[in-house]
Amino acid sequence: MLYPLTFTPLFKDKIWGGHKIKSILGKDFPIGPDGPLPNCGETWEISGVPGNISVVKEGALVGESLQAVLEKFGPELVGKHVYERYGNEFPLLVKFIDANDDLSIQVHPNDELARQRHNSFGKTEMWYIMQADPGAKLNSGFNREVTKEEYVKAVADNTITDILNIEEAQPGDVFFLPAGRVHYIGKGLLLAEIQQTSDVTYRIYDFDRKDDKGNTRELHTELAVDAIDYTYHADYKTHYEKKVNEGVNAVTSDYFVTNVLRFDEEVLHDYTHLDSFVILVCVEGSLTIQTTGGYSAALKMGECALIPASVTSVTLVPNGSMTVLESYVP
């Protein structure tokens, strides 16, 4: 009964959001009682976050929530070892993010701290840059060794931006952000985000911006102090080989493994050895997913599919060429 599942996106209006979700990814914002959303900062594509559960878009399970499918099929959907580890909590969240303005400087707690404070998973994540306006930048980590005391003083003095590592970003760039790393997405970037199932964010600085009612957004500077990993790294970008017709590993973590698949020819992927679901995120081009059971699903840039653990192989057929992020739980 299980087959590659696609879901209806959840659209999120954000103070910093824009219109690339529509103009580049071709997704229409929903119409509400007061008309369409003014912008769309994020779409949540595959989500098990309470209150934001994805709903199956096509096939025999159309209209079923991801939560209901997980509770019904358990290990058949997510894999035996994943089910033993997470039970009926789906462990990953996939988003597309359009930053029409800088996001807030922020940090996410690790599992231990998030469990203590919020009864939640922590948030380790990764970004894949899909499109970048000229000169678009982002922040990952600090630009030098920073002590907790120096950080606290920089926040108090409003000089936090002076100690941040800022980088220009280009399409195809990958940044892995373990929980505890200070970061923000800069104006002009459209990206795919793969993360732990968590919506816990500590906002450190929001560039003094105000909403349409003149209010500033809540900051969480005190909560952030103990959540930050102050370790300095000389290089924060994730380096991987950009090969064609060969899967290349970009990220391996305790929570997810992500490979970058750039193909212009048909490829069979055997997932028998994984004991995990697989998420395919199309970040360039388009393709058709085919199963041995005769099911097929079309994906284009900005669309995702969840391959259940019981579907042990798929054939990916590019329409010309494709770039796909392939993620699973190790």
C-alpha atoms as a PDB file:
ATOM      1  CA  MET A   1       0.000   0.000   0.000  1.00  0.00           C
ATOM      2  CA  LEU A   2       2.855   2.411   0.693  1.00  0.00           C
ATOM      3  CA  TYR A   3       4.308   4.377  -2.203  1.00  0.00           C
ATOM      4  CA  PRO A   4       6.391   7.570  -2.672  1.00  0.00           C
ATOM      5  CA  LEU A   5       4.393  10.214  -0.807  1.00  0.00           C
ATOM      6  CA  THR A   6       4.069  13.868  -1.785  1.00  0.00           C
ATOM      7  CA  PHE A   7       2.469  16.464   0.485  1.00  0.00           C
ATOM      8  CA  THR A   8       0.600  19.752   0.281  1.00  0.00           C
ATOM      9  CA  PRO A   9       2.956  22.603   1.271  1.00  0.00           C
ATOM     10  CA  LEU A  10       2.279  24.692   4.379  1.00  0.00           C
ATOM     11  CA  PHE A  11       2.868  28.383   3.565  1.00  0.00           C
ATOM     12  CA  LYS A  12       4.340  30.704   6.198  1.00  0.00           C
ATOM     13  CA  ASP A  13       4.047  34.485   6.039  1.00  0.00           C
ATOM     14  CA  LYS A  14       7.217  36.044   7.515  1.00  0.00           C
ATOM     15  CA  ILE A  15       8.252  39.639   8.136  1.00  0.00           C
ATOM     16  CA  TRP A  16      11.364  38.967   6.023  1.00  0.00           C
ATOM     17  CA  GLY A  17       9.630  36.846   3.334  1.00  0.00           C
ATOM     18  CA  GLY A  18       9.338  37.574  -0.374  1.00  0.00           C
ATOM     19  CA  HIS A  19       7.833  36.140  -3.551  1.00  0.00           C
ATOM     20  CA  LYS A  20      10.417  33.685  -4.922  1.00  0.00           C
ATOM     21  CA  ILE A  21       8.356  30.769  -3.621  1.00  0.00           C
ATOM     22  CA  LYS A  22       5.889  31.828  -6.324  1.00  0.00           C
ATOM     23  CA  SER A  23       8.113  33.398  -8.996  1.00  0.00           C
ATOM     24  CA  ILE A  24      10.896  30.769  -8.960  1.00  0.00           C
ATOM     25  CA  LEU A  25       9.327  27.658  -7.416  1.00  0.00           C
ATOM     26  CA  GLY A  26       5.875  28.186  -8.934  1.00  0.00           C
ATOM     27  CA  LYS A  27       3.911  27.710  -5.713  1.00  0.00           C
ATOM     28  CA  ASP A  28       0.769  29.816  -5.292  1.00  0.00           C
ATOM     29  CA  PHE A  29       0.154  31.334  -1.876  1.00  0.00           C
ATOM     30  CA  PRO A  30      -3.216  30.279  -0.445  1.00  0.00           C
ATOM     31  CA  ILE A  31      -6.113  32.721  -0.494  1.00  0.00           C
ATOM     32  CA  GLY A  32      -7.396  33.674   2.963  1.00  0.00           C
ATOM     33  CA  PRO A  33     -10.371  35.740   4.113  1.00  0.00           C
ATOM     34  CA  ASP A  34      -8.348  38.917   3.576  1.00  0.00           C
ATOM     35  CA  GLY A  35      -6.821  37.860   0.293  1.00  0.00           C
ATOM     36  CA  PRO A  36      -3.492  36.189  -0.477  1.00  0.00           C
ATOM     37  CA  LEU A  37      -0.615  36.165   1.972  1.00  0.00           C
ATOM     38  CA  PRO A  38       1.458  39.356   1.674  1.00  0.00           C
ATOM     39  CA  ASN A  39       4.562  37.214   1.237  1.00  0.00           C
ATOM     40  CA  CYS A  40       5.854  33.725   1.842  1.00  0.00           C
ATOM     41  CA  GLY A  41       9.032  33.307   3.842  1.00  0.00           C
ATOM     42  CA  GLU A  42       8.845  29.525   4.171  1.00  0.00           C
ATOM     43  CA  THR A  43       7.031  26.504   2.883  1.00  0.00           C
ATOM     44  CA  TRP A  44       7.038  23.483   5.147  1.00  0.00           C
ATOM     45  CA  GLU A  45       7.121  20.580   2.716  1.00  0.00           C
ATOM     46  CA  ILE A  46       7.363  17.516   4.965  1.00  0.00           C
ATOM     47  CA  SER A  47       6.508  18.224   8.588  1.00  0.00           C
ATOM     48  CA  GLY A  48       5.580  16.284  11.696  1.00  0.00           C
ATOM     49  CA  VAL A  49       5.671  19.384  13.919  1.00  0.00           C
ATOM     50  CA  PRO A  50       2.506  19.480  16.093  1.00  0.00           C
ATOM     51  CA  GLY A  51       0.079  21.996  14.651  1.00  0.00           C
ATOM     52  CA  ASN A  52       1.884  21.865  11.308  1.00  0.00           C
ATOM     53  CA  ILE A  53       1.416  18.261  10.171  1.00  0.00           C
ATOM     54  CA  SER A  54       1.793  17.604   6.436  1.00  0.00           C
ATOM     55  CA  VAL A  55      -1.119  16.074   4.492  1.00  0.00           C
ATOM     56  CA  VAL A  56      -0.669  13.565   1.648  1.00  0.00           C
ATOM     57  CA  LYS A  57      -1.404  15.153  -1.726  1.00  0.00           C
ATOM     58  CA  GLU A  58      -1.813  12.185  -4.080  1.00  0.00           C
ATOM     59  CA  GLY A  59      -2.517   8.458  -4.323  1.00  0.00           C
ATOM     60  CA  ALA A  60      -4.423   6.018  -2.116  1.00  0.00           C
ATOM     61  CA  LEU A  61      -3.541   7.917   1.074  1.00  0.00           C
ATOM     62  CA  VAL A  62      -4.593  11.343  -0.234  1.00  0.00           C
ATOM     63  CA  GLY A  63      -5.934  13.532   2.583  1.00  0.00           C
ATOM     64  CA  GLU A  64      -4.240  11.485   5.323  1.00  0.00           C
ATOM     65  CA  SER A  65      -1.884  13.337   7.658  1.00  0.00           C
ATOM     66  CA  LEU A  66       1.737  12.298   7.949  1.00  0.00           C
ATOM     67  CA  GLN A  67       1.036  11.589  11.614  1.00  0.00           C
ATOM     68  CA  ALA A  68      -1.836   9.233  10.763  1.00  0.00           C
ATOM     69  CA  VAL A  69       0.249   7.405   8.152  1.00  0.00           C
ATOM     70  CA  LEU A  70       3.113   7.037  10.641  1.00  0.00           C
ATOM     71  CA  GLU A  71       0.819   5.689  13.356  1.00  0.00           C
ATOM     72  CA  LYS A  72      -0.753   3.247  10.906  1.00  0.00           C
ATOM     73  CA  PHE A  73       2.388   1.917   9.239  1.00  0.00           C
ATOM     74  CA  GLY A  74       5.166   2.597  11.774  1.00  0.00           C
ATOM     75  CA  PRO A  75       8.376   0.791  10.728  1.00  0.00           C
ATOM     76  CA  GLU A  76       7.039   0.230   7.193  1.00  0.00           C
ATOM     77  CA  LEU A  77       7.065   3.998   6.727  1.00  0.00           C
ATOM     78  CA  VAL A  78      10.183   5.086   8.602  1.00  0.00           C
ATOM     79  CA  GLY A  79      12.272   1.916   9.082  1.00  0.00           C
ATOM     80  CA  LYS A  80      12.635  -0.393  12.066  1.00  0.00           C
ATOM     81  CA  HIS A  81      15.585   1.337  13.720  1.00  0.00           C
ATOM     82  CA  VAL A  82      14.097   4.803  13.106  1.00  0.00           C
ATOM     83  CA  TYR A  83      10.813   3.711  14.667  1.00  0.00           C
ATOM     84  CA  GLU A  84      12.613   2.274  17.672  1.00  0.00           C
ATOM     85  CA  ARG A  85      14.458   5.580  18.109  1.00  0.00           C
ATOM     86  CA  TYR A  86      11.620   8.060  17.476  1.00  0.00           C
ATOM     87  CA  GLY A  87       8.357   6.114  17.737  1.00  0.00           C
ATOM     88  CA  ASN A  88       5.417   8.065  16.308  1.00  0.00           C
ATOM     89  CA  GLU A  89       7.395  11.301  16.015  1.00  0.00           C
ATOM     90  CA  PHE A  90       8.578  11.943  12.467  1.00  0.00           C
ATOM     91  CA  PRO A  91      12.232  13.004  12.912  1.00  0.00           C
ATOM     92  CA  LEU A  92      12.909  15.382  10.005  1.00  0.00           C
ATOM     93  CA  LEU A  93      11.445  18.648   8.728  1.00  0.00           C
ATOM     94  CA  VAL A  94      12.002  19.931   5.181  1.00  0.00           C
ATOM     95  CA  LYS A  95      11.474  23.576   4.188  1.00  0.00           C
ATOM     96  CA  PHE A  96      12.098  26.004   1.372  1.00  0.00           C
ATOM     97  CA  ILE A  97      13.067  29.480   2.604  1.00  0.00           C
ATOM     98  CA  ASP A  98      12.920  32.791   0.702  1.00  0.00           C
ATOM     99  CA  ALA A  99      14.809  35.585   2.454  1.00  0.00           C
ATOM    100  CA  ASN A 100      13.671  38.887   0.965  1.00  0.00           C
ATOM    101  CA  ASP A 101      15.383  40.521   3.951  1.00  0.00           C
ATOM    102  CA  ASP A 102      17.918  39.334   6.516  1.00  0.00           C
ATOM    103  CA  LEU A 103      16.530  36.828   8.989  1.00  0.00           C
ATOM    104  CA  SER A 104      17.246  37.386  12.664  1.00  0.00           C
ATOM    105  CA  ILE A 105      20.579  36.335  14.143  1.00  0.00           C
ATOM    106  CA  GLN A 106      19.646  33.172  16.011  1.00  0.00           C
ATOM    107  CA  VAL A 107      20.675  29.877  17.530  1.00  0.00           C
ATOM    108  CA  HIS A 108      18.948  26.568  18.247  1.00  0.00           C
ATOM    109  CA  PRO A 109      19.436  24.444  21.375  1.00  0.00           C
ATOM    110  CA  ASN A 110      20.747  20.887  21.292  1.00  0.00           C
ATOM    111  CA  ASP A 111      18.643  17.860  22.233  1.00  0.00           C
ATOM    112  CA  GLU A 112      19.500  17.974  25.925  1.00  0.00           C
ATOM    113  CA  LEU A 113      18.723  21.658  26.413  1.00  0.00           C
ATOM    114  CA  ALA A 114      15.624  21.565  24.197  1.00  0.00           C
ATOM    115  CA  ARG A 115      14.288  18.582  26.140  1.00  0.00           C
ATOM    116  CA  GLN A 116      14.873  20.308  29.481  1.00  0.00           C
ATOM    117  CA  ARG A 117      13.355  23.634  28.470  1.00  0.00           C
ATOM    118  CA  HIS A 118      10.738  22.795  25.843  1.00  0.00           C
ATOM    119  CA  ASN A 119      10.175  19.015  25.845  1.00  0.00           C
ATOM    120  CA  SER A 120      11.348  19.135  22.232  1.00  0.00           C
ATOM    121  CA  PHE A 121      14.078  17.834  19.978  1.00  0.00           C
ATOM    122  CA  GLY A 122      17.015  20.146  19.401  1.00  0.00           C
ATOM    123  CA  LYS A 123      17.626  21.590  15.973  1.00  0.00           C
ATOM    124  CA  THR A 124      20.563  20.578  13.832  1.00  0.00           C
ATOM    125  CA  GLU A 125      20.037  21.663  10.231  1.00  0.00           C
ATOM    126  CA  MET A 126      21.590  22.123   6.805  1.00  0.00           C
ATOM    127  CA  TRP A 127      21.088  24.594   3.966  1.00  0.00           C
ATOM    128  CA  TYR A 128      21.398  24.024   0.219  1.00  0.00           C
ATOM    129  CA  ILE A 129      21.476  27.313  -1.698  1.00  0.00           C
ATOM    130  CA  MET A 130      19.090  27.118  -4.680  1.00  0.00           C
ATOM    131  CA  GLN A 131      19.260  30.721  -5.902  1.00  0.00           C
ATOM    132  CA  ALA A 132      21.230  33.773  -4.790  1.00  0.00           C
ATOM    133  CA  ASP A 133      20.943  37.411  -5.768  1.00  0.00           C
ATOM    134  CA  PRO A 134      24.299  39.035  -6.573  1.00  0.00           C
ATOM    135  CA  GLY A 135      26.273  39.635  -3.378  1.00  0.00           C
ATOM    136  CA  ALA A 136      23.830  37.727  -1.146  1.00  0.00           C
ATOM    137  CA  LYS A 137      25.415  36.685   2.148  1.00  0.00           C
ATOM    138  CA  LEU A 138      24.757  34.541   5.188  1.00  0.00           C
ATOM    139  CA  ASN A 139      26.175  34.000   8.648  1.00  0.00           C
ATOM    140  CA  SER A 140      27.478  30.742  10.051  1.00  0.00           C
ATOM    141  CA  GLY A 141      29.430  30.857  13.301  1.00  0.00           C
ATOM    142  CA  PHE A 142      31.909  33.394  14.647  1.00  0.00           C
ATOM    143  CA  ASN A 143      34.783  35.064  12.778  1.00  0.00           C
ATOM    144  CA  ARG A 144      37.259  34.547  15.645  1.00  0.00           C
ATOM    145  CA  GLU A 145      37.601  32.900  19.029  1.00  0.00           C
ATOM    146  CA  VAL A 146      34.836  34.301  21.231  1.00  0.00           C
ATOM    147  CA  THR A 147      34.260  33.714  24.937  1.00  0.00           C
ATOM    148  CA  LYS A 148      30.815  33.643  26.513  1.00  0.00           C
ATOM    149  CA  GLU A 149      31.634  36.931  28.257  1.00  0.00           C
ATOM    150  CA  GLU A 150      32.686  38.610  24.997  1.00  0.00           C
ATOM    151  CA  TYR A 151      29.501  37.410  23.352  1.00  0.00           C
ATOM    152  CA  VAL A 152      27.297  38.763  26.156  1.00  0.00           C
ATOM    153  CA  LYS A 153      29.079  42.147  25.944  1.00  0.00           C
ATOM    154  CA  ALA A 154      28.665  42.256  22.137  1.00  0.00           C
ATOM    155  CA  VAL A 155      24.926  41.659  22.482  1.00  0.00           C
ATOM    156  CA  ALA A 156      24.661  44.366  25.156  1.00  0.00           C
ATOM    157  CA  ASP A 157      26.714  46.825  23.081  1.00  0.00           C
ATOM    158  CA  ASN A 158      24.751  46.045  19.895  1.00  0.00           C
ATOM    159  CA  THR A 159      28.006  44.994  18.198  1.00  0.00           C
ATOM    160  CA  ILE A 160      27.093  41.337  17.699  1.00  0.00           C
ATOM    161  CA  THR A 161      27.510  41.616  13.908  1.00  0.00           C
ATOM    162  CA  ASP A 162      31.202  42.489  14.372  1.00  0.00           C
ATOM    163  CA  ILE A 163      32.035  38.972  15.616  1.00  0.00           C
ATOM    164  CA  LEU A 164      29.988  36.964  13.082  1.00  0.00           C
ATOM    165  CA  ASN A 165      31.435  34.990  10.180  1.00  0.00           C
ATOM    166  CA  ILE A 166      29.761  36.383   7.045  1.00  0.00           C
ATOM    167  CA  GLU A 167      30.070  34.596   3.691  1.00  0.00           C
ATOM    168  CA  GLU A 168      28.822  35.177   0.166  1.00  0.00           C
ATOM    169  CA  ALA A 169      26.630  32.299  -0.960  1.00  0.00           C
ATOM    170  CA  GLN A 170      26.234  30.785  -4.421  1.00  0.00           C
ATOM    171  CA  PRO A 171      23.806  28.220  -5.851  1.00  0.00           C
ATOM    172  CA  GLY A 172      24.986  24.735  -4.919  1.00  0.00           C
ATOM    173  CA  ASP A 173      26.661  25.835  -1.680  1.00  0.00           C
ATOM    174  CA  VAL A 174      25.938  23.688   1.382  1.00  0.00           C
ATOM    175  CA  PHE A 175      26.171  24.797   4.999  1.00  0.00           C
ATOM    176  CA  PHE A 176      25.761  22.335   7.869  1.00  0.00           C
ATOM    177  CA  LEU A 177      24.641  23.975  11.106  1.00  0.00           C
ATOM    178  CA  PRO A 178      24.790  21.793  14.203  1.00  0.00           C
ATOM    179  CA  ALA A 179      22.671  22.872  17.158  1.00  0.00           C
ATOM    180  CA  GLY A 180      24.448  25.661  19.021  1.00  0.00           C
ATOM    181  CA  ARG A 181      25.903  27.447  15.983  1.00  0.00           C
ATOM    182  CA  VAL A 182      24.932  31.112  15.651  1.00  0.00           C
ATOM    183  CA  HIS A 183      23.596  31.854  12.169  1.00  0.00           C
ATOM    184  CA  TYR A 184      21.297  33.855   9.935  1.00  0.00           C
ATOM    185  CA  ILE A 185      20.161  33.700   6.322  1.00  0.00           C
ATOM    186  CA  GLY A 186      20.868  36.909   4.433  1.00  0.00           C
ATOM    187  CA  LYS A 187      18.718  38.919   2.064  1.00  0.00           C
ATOM    188  CA  GLY A 188      18.466  37.536  -1.486  1.00  0.00           C
ATOM    189  CA  LEU A 189      18.784  33.801  -0.792  1.00  0.00           C
ATOM    190  CA  LEU A 190      16.401  30.993  -1.712  1.00  0.00           C
ATOM    191  CA  LEU A 191      17.339  27.692  -0.109  1.00  0.00           C
ATOM    192  CA  ALA A 192      16.259  24.236   0.934  1.00  0.00           C
ATOM    193  CA  GLU A 193      16.556  23.412   4.626  1.00  0.00           C
ATOM    194  CA  ILE A 194      16.674  19.926   6.111  1.00  0.00           C
ATOM    195  CA  GLN A 195      16.508  19.798   9.904  1.00  0.00           C
ATOM    196  CA  GLN A 196      15.471  17.914  12.969  1.00  0.00           C
ATOM    197  CA  THR A 197      11.776  18.117  13.788  1.00  0.00           C
ATOM    198  CA  SER A 198      11.855  21.183  16.004  1.00  0.00           C
ATOM    199  CA  ASP A 199      10.510  24.717  15.966  1.00  0.00           C
ATOM    200  CA  VAL A 200      12.634  26.051  18.841  1.00  0.00           C
ATOM    201  CA  THR A 201      14.564  29.190  17.887  1.00  0.00           C
ATOM    202  CA  TYR A 202      16.362  31.675  20.133  1.00  0.00           C
ATOM    203  CA  ARG A 203      16.387  35.074  18.452  1.00  0.00           C
ATOM    204  CA  ILE A 204      19.499  37.054  19.412  1.00  0.00           C
ATOM    205  CA  TYR A 205      19.213  40.200  17.296  1.00  0.00           C
ATOM    206  CA  ASP A 206      16.606  41.259  14.724  1.00  0.00           C
ATOM    207  CA  PHE A 207      18.295  44.336  13.233  1.00  0.00           C
ATOM    208  CA  ASP A 208      15.888  46.608  15.173  1.00  0.00           C
ATOM    209  CA  ARG A 209      13.130  46.064  12.608  1.00  0.00           C
ATOM    210  CA  LYS A 210       9.443  46.582  13.385  1.00  0.00           C
ATOM    211  CA  ASP A 211       6.298  44.936  12.081  1.00  0.00           C
ATOM    212  CA  ASP A 212       3.411  46.773  10.404  1.00  0.00           C
ATOM    213  CA  LYS A 213       2.064  47.667  13.847  1.00  0.00           C
ATOM    214  CA  GLY A 214       5.364  49.205  14.958  1.00  0.00           C
ATOM    215  CA  ASN A 215       6.316  46.329  17.256  1.00  0.00           C
ATOM    216  CA  THR A 216       9.737  44.739  17.499  1.00  0.00           C
ATOM    217  CA  ARG A 217       9.953  40.955  17.664  1.00  0.00           C
ATOM    218  CA  GLU A 218      10.720  39.138  20.890  1.00  0.00           C
ATOM    219  CA  LEU A 219      14.373  38.370  21.565  1.00  0.00           C
ATOM    220  CA  HIS A 220      15.705  35.432  23.597  1.00  0.00           C
ATOM    221  CA  THR A 221      19.179  36.713  24.463  1.00  0.00           C
ATOM    222  CA  GLU A 222      19.360  35.118  27.910  1.00  0.00           C
ATOM    223  CA  LEU A 223      18.134  31.716  26.710  1.00  0.00           C
ATOM    224  CA  ALA A 224      20.683  31.839  23.887  1.00  0.00           C
ATOM    225  CA  VAL A 225      23.746  32.261  26.112  1.00  0.00           C
ATOM    226  CA  ASP A 226      23.815  28.644  27.292  1.00  0.00           C
ATOM    227  CA  ALA A 227      22.642  27.259  23.947  1.00  0.00           C
ATOM    228  CA  ILE A 228      25.571  28.629  21.926  1.00  0.00           C
ATOM    229  CA  ASP A 229      28.592  26.558  20.959  1.00  0.00           C
ATOM    230  CA  TYR A 230      31.399  29.124  21.126  1.00  0.00           C
ATOM    231  CA  THR A 231      33.879  26.967  19.212  1.00  0.00           C
ATOM    232  CA  TYR A 232      35.572  28.845  16.360  1.00  0.00           C
ATOM    233  CA  HIS A 233      36.122  27.127  12.997  1.00  0.00           C
ATOM    234  CA  ALA A 234      38.367  28.408  10.234  1.00  0.00           C
ATOM    235  CA  ASP A 235      35.907  27.203   7.550  1.00  0.00           C
ATOM    236  CA  TYR A 236      32.145  26.859   7.998  1.00  0.00           C
ATOM    237  CA  LYS A 237      31.162  25.887   4.469  1.00  0.00           C
ATOM    238  CA  THR A 238      30.483  22.217   3.701  1.00  0.00           C
ATOM    239  CA  HIS A 239      32.734  21.097   0.855  1.00  0.00           C
ATOM    240  CA  TYR A 240      31.670  18.297  -1.473  1.00  0.00           C
ATOM    241  CA  GLU A 241      32.574  17.221  -4.996  1.00  0.00           C
ATOM    242  CA  LYS A 242      30.107  18.409  -7.629  1.00  0.00           C
ATOM    243  CA  LYS A 243      29.996  15.325  -9.830  1.00  0.00           C
ATOM    244  CA  VAL A 244      27.492  14.402 -12.540  1.00  0.00           C
ATOM    245  CA  ASN A 245      25.815  10.980 -12.669  1.00  0.00           C
ATOM    246  CA  GLU A 246      27.246   9.997  -9.319  1.00  0.00           C
ATOM    247  CA  GLY A 247      25.776  10.546  -5.873  1.00  0.00           C
ATOM    248  CA  VAL A 248      28.029  12.612  -3.601  1.00  0.00           C
ATOM    249  CA  ASN A 249      27.779  12.792   0.187  1.00  0.00           C
ATOM    250  CA  ALA A 250      27.482  16.342   1.533  1.00  0.00           C
ATOM    251  CA  VAL A 251      26.382  15.912   5.163  1.00  0.00           C
ATOM    252  CA  THR A 252      26.658  13.052   7.635  1.00  0.00           C
ATOM    253  CA  SER A 253      25.348  13.677  11.141  1.00  0.00           C
ATOM    254  CA  ASP A 254      23.672  11.769  13.952  1.00  0.00           C
ATOM    255  CA  TYR A 255      20.293  12.990  12.709  1.00  0.00           C
ATOM    256  CA  PHE A 256      20.446  12.810   8.921  1.00  0.00           C
ATOM    257  CA  VAL A 257      22.685  11.964   6.003  1.00  0.00           C
ATOM    258  CA  THR A 258      22.296  14.050   2.840  1.00  0.00           C
ATOM    259  CA  ASN A 259      23.695  13.195  -0.567  1.00  0.00           C
ATOM    260  CA  VAL A 260      23.620  15.454  -3.630  1.00  0.00           C
ATOM    261  CA  LEU A 261      22.450  13.679  -6.796  1.00  0.00           C
ATOM    262  CA  ARG A 262      23.232  15.448 -10.068  1.00  0.00           C
ATOM    263  CA  PHE A 263      22.091  13.269 -12.958  1.00  0.00           C
ATOM    264  CA  ASP A 264      21.236  13.625 -16.626  1.00  0.00           C
ATOM    265  CA  GLU A 265      20.588   9.912 -17.085  1.00  0.00           C
ATOM    266  CA  GLU A 266      18.288   7.355 -15.484  1.00  0.00           C
ATOM    267  CA  VAL A 267      19.529   5.865 -12.205  1.00  0.00           C
ATOM    268  CA  LEU A 268      18.309   2.997  -9.991  1.00  0.00           C
ATOM    269  CA  HIS A 269      18.686   3.560  -6.252  1.00  0.00           C
ATOM    270  CA  ASP A 270      18.549   0.512  -4.012  1.00  0.00           C
ATOM    271  CA  TYR A 271      17.632   1.398  -0.413  1.00  0.00           C
ATOM    272  CA  THR A 272      17.488  -2.134   0.983  1.00  0.00           C
ATOM    273  CA  HIS A 273      20.488  -1.532   3.267  1.00  0.00           C
ATOM    274  CA  LEU A 274      19.210   1.697   4.852  1.00  0.00           C
ATOM    275  CA  ASP A 275      16.368   0.634   7.189  1.00  0.00           C
ATOM    276  CA  SER A 276      15.127   4.224   6.892  1.00  0.00           C
ATOM    277  CA  PHE A 277      12.733   6.316   4.883  1.00  0.00           C
ATOM    278  CA  VAL A 278      14.344   8.537   2.238  1.00  0.00           C
ATOM    279  CA  ILE A 279      13.394  12.123   1.439  1.00  0.00           C
ATOM    280  CA  LEU A 280      14.091  13.403  -2.067  1.00  0.00           C
ATOM    281  CA  VAL A 281      14.177  17.193  -2.480  1.00  0.00           C
ATOM    282  CA  CYS A 282      14.383  18.494  -6.043  1.00  0.00           C
ATOM    283  CA  VAL A 283      16.504  21.647  -6.052  1.00  0.00           C
ATOM    284  CA  GLU A 284      17.081  21.941  -9.814  1.00  0.00           C
ATOM    285  CA  GLY A 285      15.403  20.559 -12.922  1.00  0.00           C
ATOM    286  CA  SER A 286      12.749  17.859 -12.774  1.00  0.00           C
ATOM    287  CA  LEU A 287      12.393  14.092 -12.712  1.00  0.00           C
ATOM    288  CA  THR A 288      10.019  11.160 -12.421  1.00  0.00           C
ATOM    289  CA  ILE A 289      10.282   8.657  -9.554  1.00  0.00           C
ATOM    290  CA  GLN A 290       9.313   5.119 -10.561  1.00  0.00           C
ATOM    291  CA  THR A 291       8.864   2.062  -8.321  1.00  0.00           C
ATOM    292  CA  THR A 292       8.921  -1.647  -9.143  1.00  0.00           C
ATOM    293  CA  GLY A 293       5.242  -1.732  -8.191  1.00  0.00           C
ATOM    294  CA  GLY A 294       4.433   0.522 -11.128  1.00  0.00           C
ATOM    295  CA  TYR A 295       3.859   3.742  -9.178  1.00  0.00           C
ATOM    296  CA  SER A 296       5.341   6.971 -10.531  1.00  0.00           C
ATOM    297  CA  ALA A 297       5.579  10.489  -9.115  1.00  0.00           C
ATOM    298  CA  ALA A 298       6.756  13.630 -10.891  1.00  0.00           C
ATOM    299  CA  LEU A 299       8.957  16.145  -9.055  1.00  0.00           C
ATOM    300  CA  LYS A 300      10.178  19.540 -10.183  1.00  0.00           C
ATOM    301  CA  MET A 301      12.368  22.159  -8.580  1.00  0.00           C
ATOM    302  CA  GLY A 302      10.830  23.023  -5.225  1.00  0.00           C
ATOM    303  CA  GLU A 303       9.052  19.707  -4.676  1.00  0.00           C
ATOM    304  CA  CYS A 304       9.767  16.772  -2.354  1.00  0.00           C
ATOM    305  CA  ALA A 305       8.844  13.122  -1.966  1.00  0.00           C
ATOM    306  CA  LEU A 306       9.000  10.759   0.998  1.00  0.00           C
ATOM    307  CA  ILE A 307      10.092   7.243   0.000  1.00  0.00           C
ATOM    308  CA  PRO A 308       8.798   4.820   2.660  1.00  0.00           C
ATOM    309  CA  ALA A 309      11.265   2.323   4.112  1.00  0.00           C
ATOM    310  CA  SER A 310       9.178  -0.511   2.639  1.00  0.00           C
ATOM    311  CA  VAL A 311       9.874   0.821  -0.866  1.00  0.00           C
ATOM    312  CA  THR A 312      13.357  -0.616  -1.196  1.00  0.00           C
ATOM    313  CA  SER A 313      14.284   0.757  -4.617  1.00  0.00           C
ATOM    314  CA  VAL A 314      13.305   3.568  -6.958  1.00  0.00           C
ATOM    315  CA  THR A 315      14.324   4.582 -10.445  1.00  0.00           C
ATOM    316  CA  LEU A 316      14.963   8.295 -10.925  1.00  0.00           C
ATOM    317  CA  VAL A 317      14.359   9.477 -14.485  1.00  0.00           C
ATOM    318  CA  PRO A 318      15.571  13.055 -15.119  1.00  0.00           C
ATOM    319  CA  ASN A 319      13.720  15.249 -17.580  1.00  0.00           C
ATOM    320  CA  GLY A 320      16.949  16.494 -19.132  1.00  0.00           C
ATOM    321  CA  SER A 321      18.872  16.978 -15.908  1.00  0.00           C
ATOM    322  CA  MET A 322      18.161  17.201 -12.191  1.00  0.00           C
ATOM    323  CA  THR A 323      19.750  17.981  -8.862  1.00  0.00           C
ATOM    324  CA  VAL A 324      18.173  16.207  -5.907  1.00  0.00           C
ATOM    325  CA  LEU A 325      19.001  16.124  -2.197  1.00  0.00           C
ATOM    326  CA  GLU A 326      18.671  12.577  -0.866  1.00  0.00           C
ATOM    327  CA  SER A 327      18.299  12.397   2.925  1.00  0.00           C
ATOM    328  CA  TYR A 328      17.737   9.594   5.407  1.00  0.00           C
ATOM    329  CA  VAL A 329      18.294   8.769   9.079  1.00  0.00           C
ATOM    330  CA  PRO A 330      21.548   6.856   9.682  1.00  0.00           C
END
